[in-house]
Amino acid sequence: MKHHIDELAIFGGQPAFTQPLHVGRPNLGDRQRLMSRIDELLDRRWLTNDGPLVQEFERRLVEFTGAKHCIATCNGTVALELAARATEIAGAVNEAEVIVPAFTFVATAHALRWLGLRPVFCDIEPAGHTIDPERVEALITPRTRAIVGVHLWGRPCHIDRLQQIAERHGLALLFDAAHAFGCTFRGGTIGGFGKAEIFSFHATKFVNAFEGGAIATNDDVLAARLRLMRNFGFAGYDQVVSLGVNGKMSEVSAAMGLTSLESCHEFIAVNRRNHEQYRHELSGIAGLTMLAYDPGEQSNYQYVVAEVDAEAAGLSRDDLVEVLWAENVLARRYFFPGCHRMEPYVSASEPPHLPVTDRVAGSVLLLPTGTTIGPAEITEICAIIRTAVSGAERVQQKLRERR
């Protein structure tokens, strides 16, 4: 393990890891069980169109989340688009507005804009990085049709306060729950809140379906509408009764989803172990603060998130990312620079004043976790960070030379 600054790769030493360590490296689950499912679906020659594995996956999601309905889709972005259509947010008025945090994956905003909706970007809370309910109400106009809350890092946003605002103003409330599968809010499992909650089972999620998503809802009418819409509006053979798209999940994705789901609690245990080790080994490093989890709630511990105070650490978040990448530790700066500073939004109007979002987007550092990362790797990653911060002045000088 590295203990001297001269051994860092940026000073000519060998990278700590011969193979890159990624944020979001896929968890695989039981490979034999997955291959058995794939063999079975090939033998059936039923590869898509609401096959038995998709139906089983949806049943298991209902059991897991406690939601009345879970509608599997090809990915989370299409799931959000379908939910916006089915709740009649899209098409209500031209350029209808939806309040959404700017600190989220750009797909949240893109899905809305793709439907002709106008995302109105809201600032976030500094502690949990989720949408700030105190800022939401000030953004409501006669054109506002909905609020989309985003659960982040395996931590729910303020569901109850957003629900109160939505009810007071007659707005639809949806949740992007891509980070929150397996998590709870006040003891209730994520999946049953708002009009609908949207899950992602992309390969980077701790439960993945190669590529996939789902919409969870307790609304019978909405669920029936969603099932029509994800399959071109077909209500039966040769019977098209509504507008729709191809949003279906394939059988092979469901095979992976089921296999992941079966190992879900194992994945959470590994994530939690990793998070606790990072928290212990990064403690006391100047300018580095890890986000904590609420011990009263269940979490998937999917992300190891730290904030870097450049003044206290002597290095910026981007400096640390460069050091880590040189060591083959592919740390990430998530959601930088914020959706409000990305296209097409930044060209459409002057970016809104979102000071917390701007600060967090410039300071957040995500570190590798998941089943491909073990205790030895975490100890080495933390040693690299500690060494870099303790020798911050020399590191900064070397980084300036490299640039």
Protein backbone atom coordinates (compact mmCIF):
# COMPACT_ATOMS: atom_id res chain seq x y z
CA MET A 1 0.00 0.00 0.00
CA LYS A 2 1.15 3.53 -0.75
CA HIS A 3 2.32 5.52 2.22
CA HIS A 4 4.69 8.04 0.57
CA ILE A 5 3.70 10.79 -1.81
CA ASP A 6 6.55 10.00 -4.22
CA GLU A 7 4.97 6.59 -4.84
CA LEU A 8 1.79 8.11 -6.29
CA ALA A 9 1.43 7.45 -10.01
CA ILE A 10 1.39 11.17 -10.80
CA PHE A 11 4.97 11.33 -9.47
CA GLY A 12 6.07 8.43 -11.66
CA GLY A 13 5.12 5.49 -9.50
CA GLN A 14 3.18 2.53 -10.84
CA PRO A 15 -0.63 2.74 -10.62
CA ALA A 16 -1.99 1.11 -7.48
CA PHE A 17 -4.29 -1.11 -9.55
CA THR A 18 -3.48 -2.90 -12.79
CA GLN A 19 -7.18 -3.06 -13.71
CA PRO A 20 -9.50 -0.05 -13.36
CA LEU A 21 -11.88 0.08 -10.40
CA HIS A 22 -15.18 1.57 -11.55
CA VAL A 23 -18.08 3.30 -9.86
CA GLY A 24 -21.17 1.27 -10.78
CA ARG A 25 -19.41 -1.92 -11.90
CA PRO A 26 -22.27 -4.43 -12.44
CA ASN A 27 -23.22 -6.95 -9.78
CA LEU A 28 -23.94 -10.32 -11.41
CA GLY A 29 -25.63 -12.58 -8.88
CA ASP A 30 -25.78 -16.34 -9.46
CA ARG A 31 -24.32 -16.84 -12.94
CA GLN A 32 -25.52 -20.44 -13.22
CA ARG A 33 -29.08 -19.44 -12.35
CA LEU A 34 -28.93 -16.66 -14.94
CA MET A 35 -27.66 -18.99 -17.66
CA SER A 36 -30.33 -21.54 -16.76
CA ARG A 37 -33.03 -18.90 -17.20
CA ILE A 38 -31.53 -17.83 -20.53
CA ASP A 39 -31.44 -21.44 -21.75
CA GLU A 40 -35.08 -21.86 -20.76
CA LEU A 41 -36.23 -18.72 -22.57
CA LEU A 42 -34.32 -19.75 -25.69
CA ASP A 43 -35.97 -23.16 -25.58
CA ARG A 44 -39.38 -21.48 -25.28
CA ARG A 45 -38.49 -19.08 -28.13
CA TRP A 46 -40.49 -16.44 -26.29
CA LEU A 47 -38.06 -13.55 -26.22
CA THR A 48 -40.31 -10.52 -25.66
CA ASN A 49 -43.96 -9.38 -25.60
CA ASP A 50 -44.82 -9.87 -21.93
CA GLY A 51 -43.23 -13.28 -21.56
CA PRO A 52 -43.31 -15.45 -18.43
CA LEU A 53 -40.05 -14.04 -17.03
CA VAL A 54 -41.27 -10.45 -17.34
CA GLN A 55 -44.51 -11.44 -15.62
CA GLU A 56 -42.58 -13.17 -12.84
CA PHE A 57 -40.26 -10.17 -12.46
CA GLU A 58 -43.24 -7.84 -12.10
CA ARG A 59 -44.77 -10.11 -9.44
CA ARG A 60 -41.51 -10.17 -7.52
CA LEU A 61 -41.25 -6.37 -7.72
CA VAL A 62 -44.74 -6.06 -6.26
CA GLU A 63 -43.76 -8.35 -3.40
CA PHE A 64 -40.52 -6.47 -2.81
CA THR A 65 -41.88 -2.92 -2.93
CA GLY A 66 -45.36 -3.46 -1.55
CA ALA A 67 -46.77 -1.37 -4.40
CA LYS A 68 -50.02 -2.63 -5.91
CA HIS A 69 -48.65 -2.62 -9.47
CA CYS A 70 -45.17 -2.73 -11.03
CA ILE A 71 -44.97 -2.36 -14.80
CA ALA A 72 -41.60 -3.43 -16.24
CA THR A 73 -40.12 -1.35 -19.06
CA CYS A 74 -37.10 -1.35 -21.36
CA ASN A 75 -35.35 1.31 -19.25
CA GLY A 76 -35.96 3.95 -16.60
CA THR A 77 -36.05 6.90 -18.99
CA VAL A 78 -38.90 5.42 -21.02
CA ALA A 79 -40.60 4.54 -17.73
CA LEU A 80 -40.58 8.20 -16.70
CA GLU A 81 -41.86 9.26 -20.14
CA LEU A 82 -44.70 6.75 -19.92
CA ALA A 83 -45.59 7.88 -16.40
CA ALA A 84 -45.70 11.52 -17.50
CA ARG A 85 -47.95 10.59 -20.44
CA ALA A 86 -50.20 8.32 -18.44
CA THR A 87 -50.76 10.88 -15.68
CA GLU A 88 -51.64 13.36 -18.45
CA ILE A 89 -48.94 15.82 -17.45
CA ALA A 90 -47.68 15.80 -21.02
CA GLY A 91 -50.19 17.27 -23.42
CA ALA A 92 -52.08 19.20 -20.73
CA VAL A 93 -50.97 22.54 -22.15
CA ASN A 94 -48.23 23.53 -24.53
CA GLU A 95 -44.93 23.96 -22.64
CA ALA A 96 -46.48 22.81 -19.37
CA GLU A 97 -43.99 23.11 -16.51
CA VAL A 98 -42.65 20.39 -14.23
CA ILE A 99 -40.55 21.28 -11.19
CA VAL A 100 -37.51 19.02 -10.91
CA PRO A 101 -34.12 19.22 -9.18
CA ALA A 102 -31.18 20.28 -11.33
CA PHE A 103 -28.93 17.92 -9.38
CA THR A 104 -29.96 14.65 -11.04
CA PHE A 105 -28.97 12.51 -13.98
CA VAL A 106 -29.84 14.42 -17.13
CA ALA A 107 -32.29 11.69 -18.21
CA THR A 108 -34.75 12.99 -15.60
CA ALA A 109 -34.92 16.36 -17.35
CA HIS A 110 -34.55 14.95 -20.87
CA ALA A 111 -37.50 12.57 -20.44
CA LEU A 112 -39.73 15.53 -19.60
CA ARG A 113 -38.37 17.81 -22.33
CA TRP A 114 -38.69 15.03 -24.91
CA LEU A 115 -42.44 15.10 -24.27
CA GLY A 116 -42.67 18.86 -24.77
CA LEU A 117 -42.68 19.65 -21.06
CA ARG A 118 -40.53 22.41 -19.62
CA PRO A 119 -38.34 21.36 -16.69
CA VAL A 120 -38.20 24.11 -14.08
CA PHE A 121 -35.04 23.51 -12.11
CA CYS A 122 -35.14 23.69 -8.33
CA ASP A 123 -32.28 23.89 -5.84
CA ILE A 124 -31.45 21.07 -3.43
CA GLU A 125 -30.90 20.71 0.29
CA PRO A 126 -27.25 20.73 1.37
CA ALA A 127 -27.49 17.72 3.69
CA GLY A 128 -29.05 15.01 1.50
CA HIS A 129 -28.74 16.60 -1.96
CA THR A 130 -32.44 16.09 -2.72
CA ILE A 131 -34.94 18.68 -3.94
CA ASP A 132 -35.59 21.42 -1.38
CA PRO A 133 -39.34 21.62 -0.62
CA GLU A 134 -38.88 25.19 0.65
CA ARG A 135 -37.81 26.21 -2.86
CA VAL A 136 -40.47 24.24 -4.73
CA GLU A 137 -43.48 26.34 -3.80
CA ALA A 138 -41.89 29.58 -5.05
CA LEU A 139 -41.49 28.03 -8.52
CA ILE A 140 -45.15 27.13 -9.00
CA THR A 141 -46.95 29.09 -11.73
CA PRO A 142 -50.30 28.68 -13.53
CA ARG A 143 -48.41 26.51 -16.06
CA THR A 144 -47.07 24.07 -13.46
CA ARG A 145 -48.56 20.59 -13.82
CA ALA A 146 -46.32 18.37 -11.72
CA ILE A 147 -43.41 17.92 -9.33
CA VAL A 148 -40.80 15.22 -9.89
CA GLY A 149 -38.88 14.41 -6.73
CA VAL A 150 -35.63 12.48 -7.06
CA HIS A 151 -34.46 10.08 -4.37
CA LEU A 152 -30.68 10.25 -4.31
CA TRP A 153 -27.80 8.04 -3.18
CA GLY A 154 -30.19 5.52 -1.59
CA ARG A 155 -31.79 8.29 0.50
CA PRO A 156 -35.40 9.39 -0.06
CA CYS A 157 -36.33 13.00 -0.61
CA HIS A 158 -38.91 14.75 1.63
CA ILE A 159 -41.90 12.82 0.35
CA ASP A 160 -44.42 14.07 2.88
CA ARG A 161 -43.64 17.76 2.36
CA LEU A 162 -43.72 17.39 -1.42
CA GLN A 163 -47.04 15.56 -1.14
CA GLN A 164 -48.51 18.42 0.88
CA ILE A 165 -47.37 20.97 -1.70
CA ALA A 166 -48.71 18.88 -4.60
CA GLU A 167 -52.11 18.44 -2.93
CA ARG A 168 -52.35 22.12 -2.00
CA HIS A 169 -51.79 23.19 -5.60
CA GLY A 170 -53.50 20.30 -7.39
CA LEU A 171 -50.29 18.98 -8.97
CA ALA A 172 -49.27 15.47 -9.95
CA LEU A 173 -46.36 14.07 -7.93
CA LEU A 174 -43.94 11.56 -9.43
CA PHE A 175 -40.69 10.21 -8.03
CA ASP A 176 -37.53 9.25 -9.86
CA ALA A 177 -36.45 6.37 -7.65
CA ALA A 178 -33.54 5.14 -9.78
CA HIS A 179 -31.23 5.30 -6.73
CA ALA A 180 -33.73 4.10 -4.16
CA PHE A 181 -34.73 0.52 -4.91
CA GLY A 182 -34.81 -1.36 -1.60
CA CYS A 183 -34.98 1.81 0.50
CA THR A 184 -37.63 3.11 2.89
CA PHE A 185 -39.18 6.40 3.95
CA ARG A 186 -40.59 6.42 7.50
CA GLY A 187 -40.80 2.66 7.34
CA GLY A 188 -42.66 2.54 4.03
CA THR A 189 -40.85 0.94 1.11
CA ILE A 190 -40.07 3.20 -1.82
CA GLY A 191 -42.47 2.34 -4.64
CA GLY A 192 -45.81 3.28 -3.16
CA PHE A 193 -45.51 7.06 -2.94
CA GLY A 194 -46.94 9.76 -5.19
CA LYS A 195 -48.87 8.92 -8.36
CA ALA A 196 -46.00 6.66 -9.41
CA GLU A 197 -42.36 5.93 -8.68
CA ILE A 198 -39.84 5.14 -11.39
CA PHE A 199 -37.09 2.55 -10.99
CA SER A 200 -34.02 1.95 -13.13
CA PHE A 201 -32.42 -1.47 -13.53
CA HIS A 202 -29.56 -0.21 -15.64
CA ALA A 203 -26.30 -2.18 -15.41
CA THR A 204 -24.83 0.38 -12.98
CA LYS A 205 -27.63 -0.09 -10.44
CA PHE A 206 -27.10 -2.53 -7.59
CA VAL A 207 -30.04 -4.60 -8.91
CA ASN A 208 -29.81 -4.64 -12.67
CA ALA A 209 -31.60 -6.19 -15.63
CA PHE A 210 -28.75 -5.47 -18.06
CA GLU A 211 -30.97 -2.54 -19.10
CA GLY A 212 -34.45 -2.01 -17.72
CA GLY A 213 -36.87 -0.03 -15.63
CA ALA A 214 -40.23 -0.21 -13.92
CA ILE A 215 -43.13 2.00 -12.84
CA ALA A 216 -44.61 1.32 -9.41
CA THR A 217 -48.07 2.64 -8.58
CA ASN A 218 -51.06 1.96 -6.35
CA ASP A 219 -53.47 3.43 -8.91
CA ASP A 220 -55.41 0.70 -10.79
CA VAL A 221 -56.51 3.00 -13.61
CA LEU A 222 -53.03 4.39 -14.10
CA ALA A 223 -51.50 0.90 -14.15
CA ALA A 224 -53.94 -0.28 -16.82
CA ARG A 225 -53.18 2.79 -18.92
CA LEU A 226 -49.44 2.22 -18.56
CA ARG A 227 -49.69 -1.39 -19.69
CA LEU A 228 -51.46 -0.27 -22.85
CA MET A 229 -49.04 2.55 -23.53
CA ARG A 230 -45.85 0.46 -23.20
CA ASN A 231 -47.11 -1.93 -25.93
CA PHE A 232 -48.31 0.38 -28.72
CA GLY A 233 -51.79 0.63 -27.19
CA PHE A 234 -52.63 -3.05 -27.82
CA ALA A 235 -55.47 -4.38 -25.66
CA GLY A 236 -55.49 -7.74 -27.43
CA TYR A 237 -54.63 -9.39 -30.72
CA ASP A 238 -55.22 -6.85 -33.53
CA GLN A 239 -56.94 -4.56 -31.03
CA VAL A 240 -55.29 -1.17 -30.62
CA VAL A 241 -57.25 1.08 -28.28
CA SER A 242 -54.85 3.94 -27.51
CA LEU A 243 -51.65 5.66 -28.47
CA GLY A 244 -48.54 3.85 -27.30
CA VAL A 245 -44.86 3.11 -27.86
CA ASN A 246 -42.54 0.14 -27.55
CA GLY A 247 -41.53 0.35 -23.90
CA LYS A 248 -41.52 -3.38 -23.12
CA MET A 249 -38.86 -5.24 -21.18
CA SER A 250 -37.34 -8.24 -22.96
CA GLU A 251 -37.23 -11.74 -21.49
CA VAL A 252 -33.43 -11.77 -21.26
CA SER A 253 -33.52 -8.52 -19.26
CA ALA A 254 -36.13 -10.04 -16.95
CA ALA A 255 -33.88 -13.10 -16.53
CA MET A 256 -31.09 -10.85 -15.30
CA GLY A 257 -33.51 -8.80 -13.20
CA LEU A 258 -34.81 -11.89 -11.40
CA THR A 259 -31.29 -13.19 -10.83
CA SER A 260 -30.19 -9.82 -9.43
CA LEU A 261 -33.26 -9.62 -7.23
CA GLU A 262 -32.48 -13.01 -5.72
CA SER A 263 -29.08 -11.70 -4.58
CA CYS A 264 -30.39 -8.28 -3.57
CA HIS A 265 -29.82 -8.64 0.16
CA GLU A 266 -26.30 -9.97 -0.42
CA PHE A 267 -25.54 -6.92 -2.57
CA ILE A 268 -26.86 -4.60 0.13
CA ALA A 269 -24.76 -6.32 2.79
CA VAL A 270 -21.60 -5.88 0.68
CA ASN A 271 -22.45 -2.24 -0.04
CA ARG A 272 -23.03 -1.56 3.64
CA ARG A 273 -19.77 -3.25 4.63
CA ASN A 274 -17.90 -1.20 2.03
CA HIS A 275 -19.55 2.04 3.14
CA GLU A 276 -18.66 1.44 6.78
CA GLN A 277 -15.04 0.71 5.88
CA TYR A 278 -14.76 3.85 3.76
CA ARG A 279 -16.34 5.88 6.58
CA HIS A 280 -13.83 4.51 9.08
CA GLU A 281 -10.72 4.84 6.90
CA LEU A 282 -11.53 8.27 5.48
CA SER A 283 -12.36 9.78 8.87
CA GLY A 284 -10.06 12.58 9.96
CA ILE A 285 -8.91 13.52 6.44
CA ALA A 286 -9.01 17.29 6.20
CA GLY A 287 -11.74 18.65 3.94
CA LEU A 288 -13.38 15.28 3.25
CA THR A 289 -16.90 14.58 4.54
CA MET A 290 -18.85 11.41 3.81
CA LEU A 291 -22.63 11.50 3.51
CA ALA A 292 -24.25 9.49 6.28
CA TYR A 293 -27.27 7.23 6.07
CA ASP A 294 -30.28 7.48 8.40
CA PRO A 295 -30.00 4.47 10.76
CA GLY A 296 -33.78 4.51 11.15
CA GLU A 297 -34.35 3.73 7.46
CA GLN A 298 -33.39 0.87 5.18
CA SER A 299 -30.97 1.75 2.41
CA ASN A 300 -29.24 -0.03 -0.45
CA TYR A 301 -25.94 1.76 0.33
CA GLN A 302 -25.48 1.87 -3.42
CA TYR A 303 -23.18 4.89 -3.50
CA VAL A 304 -20.17 5.97 -1.48
CA VAL A 305 -20.45 9.75 -1.58
CA ALA A 306 -18.00 12.26 -0.16
CA GLU A 307 -17.85 16.02 -0.40
CA VAL A 308 -14.49 17.73 -0.85
CA ASP A 309 -13.89 21.14 0.69
CA ALA A 310 -11.02 22.39 -1.49
CA GLU A 311 -9.89 25.04 0.98
CA ALA A 312 -9.65 22.62 3.90
CA ALA A 313 -8.24 19.71 1.88
CA GLY A 314 -5.76 21.78 -0.10
CA LEU A 315 -7.01 19.94 -3.19
CA SER A 316 -10.20 20.37 -5.17
CA ARG A 317 -12.58 17.53 -5.93
CA ASP A 318 -11.28 17.56 -9.52
CA ASP A 319 -7.67 17.37 -8.28
CA LEU A 320 -8.52 14.25 -6.28
CA VAL A 321 -10.32 12.72 -9.24
CA GLU A 322 -7.19 13.22 -11.37
CA VAL A 323 -4.97 11.63 -8.72
CA LEU A 324 -7.30 8.65 -8.36
CA TRP A 325 -7.65 8.12 -12.09
CA ALA A 326 -3.86 8.01 -12.39
CA GLU A 327 -4.03 5.11 -9.91
CA ASN A 328 -6.75 3.35 -11.98
CA VAL A 329 -9.41 4.27 -9.42
CA LEU A 330 -12.13 5.68 -11.67
CA ALA A 331 -13.86 7.90 -9.11
CA ARG A 332 -16.68 10.04 -10.43
CA ARG A 333 -18.02 13.57 -10.09
CA TYR A 334 -21.74 12.89 -10.42
CA PHE A 335 -24.25 15.19 -12.12
CA PHE A 336 -21.62 17.83 -12.86
CA PRO A 337 -22.29 20.66 -13.71
CA GLY A 338 -26.03 20.22 -13.02
CA CYS A 339 -28.81 19.89 -15.59
CA HIS A 340 -29.40 23.66 -15.58
CA ARG A 341 -25.91 24.10 -17.07
CA MET A 342 -26.29 21.41 -19.75
CA GLU A 343 -27.84 21.53 -23.20
CA PRO A 344 -30.46 22.22 -24.33
CA TYR A 345 -31.36 24.01 -21.10
CA VAL A 346 -28.39 26.36 -20.76
CA SER A 347 -29.00 27.82 -24.23
CA ALA A 348 -32.73 28.26 -23.73
CA SER A 349 -32.41 30.80 -20.92
CA GLU A 350 -30.06 32.18 -18.31
CA PRO A 351 -29.32 29.37 -15.82
CA PRO A 352 -31.31 29.84 -12.61
CA HIS A 353 -29.54 30.80 -9.41
CA LEU A 354 -29.06 27.45 -7.63
CA PRO A 355 -26.21 28.00 -5.19
CA VAL A 356 -26.46 24.68 -3.34
CA THR A 357 -26.63 22.71 -6.57
CA ASP A 358 -23.60 24.54 -7.96
CA ARG A 359 -21.60 23.94 -4.78
CA VAL A 360 -22.50 20.27 -4.50
CA ALA A 361 -21.92 19.60 -8.21
CA GLY A 362 -18.42 21.01 -7.74
CA SER A 363 -17.59 19.05 -4.59
CA VAL A 364 -19.19 15.59 -4.79
CA LEU A 365 -16.84 12.62 -5.17
CA LEU A 366 -18.12 9.07 -5.70
CA LEU A 367 -15.87 6.11 -4.91
CA PRO A 368 -16.05 2.53 -6.20
CA THR A 369 -18.18 0.01 -4.30
CA GLY A 370 -20.24 -3.10 -4.99
CA THR A 371 -19.34 -6.76 -5.18
CA THR A 372 -16.20 -6.20 -7.27
CA ILE A 373 -14.58 -4.15 -4.48
CA GLY A 374 -13.16 -5.76 -1.35
CA PRO A 375 -11.56 -4.57 1.90
CA ALA A 376 -8.01 -4.55 0.49
CA GLU A 377 -9.01 -2.34 -2.43
CA ILE A 378 -10.84 0.09 -0.15
CA THR A 379 -7.84 0.35 2.18
CA GLU A 380 -5.61 1.17 -0.80
CA ILE A 381 -8.05 3.76 -2.20
CA CYS A 382 -8.27 5.49 1.18
CA ALA A 383 -4.48 5.43 1.55
CA ILE A 384 -4.14 7.16 -1.82
CA ILE A 385 -6.59 9.88 -0.80
CA ARG A 386 -4.94 10.37 2.60
CA THR A 387 -1.48 10.58 1.00
CA ALA A 388 -2.64 13.06 -1.64
CA VAL A 389 -4.31 15.36 0.91
CA SER A 390 -1.38 15.22 3.34
CA GLY A 391 0.92 16.27 0.49
CA ALA A 392 -1.57 18.62 -1.14
CA GLU A 393 0.92 21.39 -2.01
CA ARG A 394 3.26 19.05 -3.89
CA VAL A 395 0.33 17.30 -5.56
CA GLN A 396 -1.05 20.60 -6.79
CA GLN A 397 2.32 21.55 -8.23
CA LYS A 398 2.62 18.22 -10.04
CA LEU A 399 -0.91 18.47 -11.41
CA ARG A 400 -0.15 21.94 -12.79
CA GLU A 401 2.90 20.52 -14.55
CA ARG A 402 0.85 17.65 -16.01
CA ARG A 403 -1.79 20.01 -17.33
